[in-house]
Protein backbone atom coordinates (compact mmCIF):
# COMPACT_ATOMS: atom_id res chain seq x y z
CA UNK A 1 6.48 39.03 -7.29
CA UNK A 2 5.71 36.93 -4.15
CA UNK A 3 8.18 33.95 -3.38
CA UNK A 4 6.12 32.37 -0.34
CA UNK A 5 3.32 31.38 -2.55
CA UNK A 6 5.70 29.91 -5.09
CA UNK A 7 7.55 27.90 -2.88
CA UNK A 8 4.35 26.54 -0.94
CA UNK A 9 3.00 25.20 -4.74
CA UNK A 10 6.74 23.88 -5.17
CA UNK A 11 6.60 21.99 -1.60
CA UNK A 12 3.17 20.80 -1.97
CA UNK A 13 3.89 19.51 -5.64
CA UNK A 14 7.35 17.50 -3.97
CA UNK A 15 4.97 15.93 -1.42
CA UNK A 16 2.63 14.60 -3.64
CA UNK A 17 5.22 13.56 -6.01
CA UNK A 18 6.80 11.92 -3.08
CA UNK A 19 3.82 10.09 -1.71
CA UNK A 20 3.24 8.26 -5.21
CA UNK A 21 6.74 7.55 -5.74
CA UNK A 22 6.25 5.80 -2.10
CA UNK A 23 2.99 4.45 -3.45
CA UNK A 24 4.29 3.00 -6.58
CA UNK A 25 7.29 1.12 -4.42
CA UNK A 26 5.05 0.01 -1.89
CA UNK A 27 2.48 -1.56 -4.41
CA UNK A 28 5.53 -3.35 -6.40
CA UNK A 29 7.13 -4.57 -3.51
CA UNK A 30 4.12 -5.99 -1.55
CA UNK A 31 1.87 -7.32 -4.57
CA UNK A 32 2.75 -10.19 -4.74
CA UNK A 33 1.30 -13.95 -4.84
CA UNK A 34 2.49 -16.14 -1.64
CA UNK A 35 4.03 -19.77 -2.90
CA UNK A 36 4.80 -20.96 0.42
CA UNK A 37 2.44 -21.17 3.55
CA UNK A 38 3.93 -18.25 4.92
CA UNK A 39 3.84 -16.43 1.78
CA UNK A 40 0.33 -17.25 1.24
CA UNK A 41 -0.91 -16.16 4.59
CA UNK A 42 1.10 -12.88 4.65
CA UNK A 43 0.48 -11.55 0.92
CA UNK A 44 -2.94 -13.68 -0.38
CA UNK A 45 -4.39 -12.98 3.07
CA UNK A 46 -2.65 -10.17 4.52
CA UNK A 47 -1.95 -7.47 1.78
CA UNK A 48 -4.76 -8.73 -0.55
CA UNK A 49 -7.31 -9.63 1.84
CA UNK A 50 -6.85 -7.43 5.18
CA UNK A 51 -5.01 -4.21 3.22
CA UNK A 52 -7.12 -4.09 0.14
CA UNK A 53 -10.32 -4.27 2.39
CA UNK A 54 -9.17 -1.78 4.78
CA UNK A 55 -8.32 0.81 1.90
CA UNK A 56 -11.61 0.49 0.20
CA UNK A 57 -13.68 1.07 3.53
CA UNK A 58 -11.48 3.82 4.68
CA UNK A 59 -11.95 5.49 1.21
CA UNK A 60 -15.62 4.87 1.01
CA UNK A 61 -15.87 6.28 4.59
CA UNK A 62 -13.69 9.53 4.23
CA UNK A 63 -16.25 9.96 0.85
CA UNK A 64 -19.28 9.66 2.56
CA UNK A 65 -18.21 12.13 5.52
CA UNK A 66 -16.96 14.59 3.02
CA UNK A 67 -20.44 14.23 1.14
CA UNK A 68 -22.26 15.41 4.29
CA UNK A 69 -23.79 11.94 4.84
CA UNK A 70 -27.31 12.19 3.50
CA UNK A 71 -26.78 15.11 1.35
CA UNK A 72 -28.00 14.38 -1.84
CA UNK A 73 -27.11 17.63 -3.64
CA UNK A 74 -24.80 17.27 -6.84
CA UNK A 75 -22.23 19.73 -5.02
CA UNK A 76 -21.87 17.15 -2.22
CA UNK A 77 -21.58 14.05 -4.74
CA UNK A 78 -18.93 15.52 -6.48
CA UNK A 79 -16.92 16.70 -3.31
CA UNK A 80 -17.27 12.72 -2.08
CA UNK A 81 -15.96 11.32 -5.15
CA UNK A 82 -13.10 13.65 -5.03
CA UNK A 83 -12.35 13.24 -1.48
CA UNK A 84 -12.57 8.86 -2.26
CA UNK A 85 -10.09 9.47 -5.38
CA UNK A 86 -7.65 11.37 -3.18
CA UNK A 87 -7.56 9.14 -0.36
CA UNK A 88 -7.54 5.98 -2.50
CA UNK A 89 -4.44 6.93 -3.83
CA UNK A 90 -2.79 8.20 -0.87
CA UNK A 91 -4.25 5.69 1.47
CA UNK A 92 -3.76 2.47 -0.39
CA UNK A 93 -0.02 1.81 0.29
CA UNK A 94 -0.39 2.56 3.85
CA UNK A 95 -3.40 -0.08 4.23
CA UNK A 96 -1.27 -2.41 1.94
CA UNK A 97 1.82 -2.29 4.59
CA UNK A 98 -0.48 -2.80 7.02
CA UNK A 99 -2.17 -5.53 5.70
CA UNK A 100 1.88 -6.86 5.37
CA UNK A 101 2.18 -6.47 9.09
CA UNK A 102 -1.01 -8.10 9.91
CA UNK A 103 -0.04 -11.34 7.64
CA UNK A 104 3.23 -11.04 9.35
CA UNK A 105 1.61 -11.03 12.89
CA UNK A 106 -0.81 -13.70 11.89
CA UNK A 107 2.15 -16.05 10.20
CA UNK A 108 4.26 -15.52 13.73
CA UNK A 109 1.18 -16.72 15.92
CA UNK A 110 0.42 -19.87 13.78
CA UNK A 111 3.99 -21.05 14.01
CA UNK A 112 4.80 -20.40 10.26
CA UNK A 113 8.47 -19.75 9.65
CA UNK A 114 9.19 -16.69 7.33
CA UNK A 115 10.36 -17.29 3.79
CA UNK A 116 14.45 -17.46 3.53
CA UNK A 117 15.84 -14.16 2.15
CA UNK A 118 18.24 -14.84 -1.54
CA UNK A 119 21.36 -12.79 -1.08
CA UNK A 120 23.68 -12.36 -3.87
CA UNK A 121 26.48 -14.69 -2.26
CA UNK A 122 24.20 -17.60 -1.96
CA UNK A 123 23.14 -17.01 -5.42
CA UNK A 124 26.37 -16.91 -6.72
CA UNK A 125 27.51 -20.38 -4.60
CA UNK A 126 24.44 -21.58 -6.08
CA UNK A 127 25.36 -21.00 -9.59
CA UNK A 128 29.27 -22.14 -9.54
CA UNK A 129 30.33 -25.11 -11.76
CA UNK A 130 30.71 -27.98 -9.84
CA UNK A 131 32.63 -30.04 -12.02
CA UNK A 132 31.64 -33.66 -13.64
């Protein structure tokens, strides 16, 4: 029994699972609605606008290139579908991150201040009983 093919399969499986975990974590962290002007620019226009548009366009371009452009055979069609699905799964978190970066740059250049981050100490100090 050869150990190398089994080891390669395990490493590839771990890489795929790691990318899926990273993708879920990225989507959960970035897919929210902005309530302040900074948040609206970053999350609504940056992540949901630029990031999703970039993910869709890169997936479609990769599928078109994999299908061979104007090739209309069934094999080329399925090859393009598989590539679009694979690229969409793995490129979407990176594109959402790029959308976040684009949104923060746009907010910085328009002069908007970032939202204040809440910490445990600030939450604890706000919830103290101050008496009558």
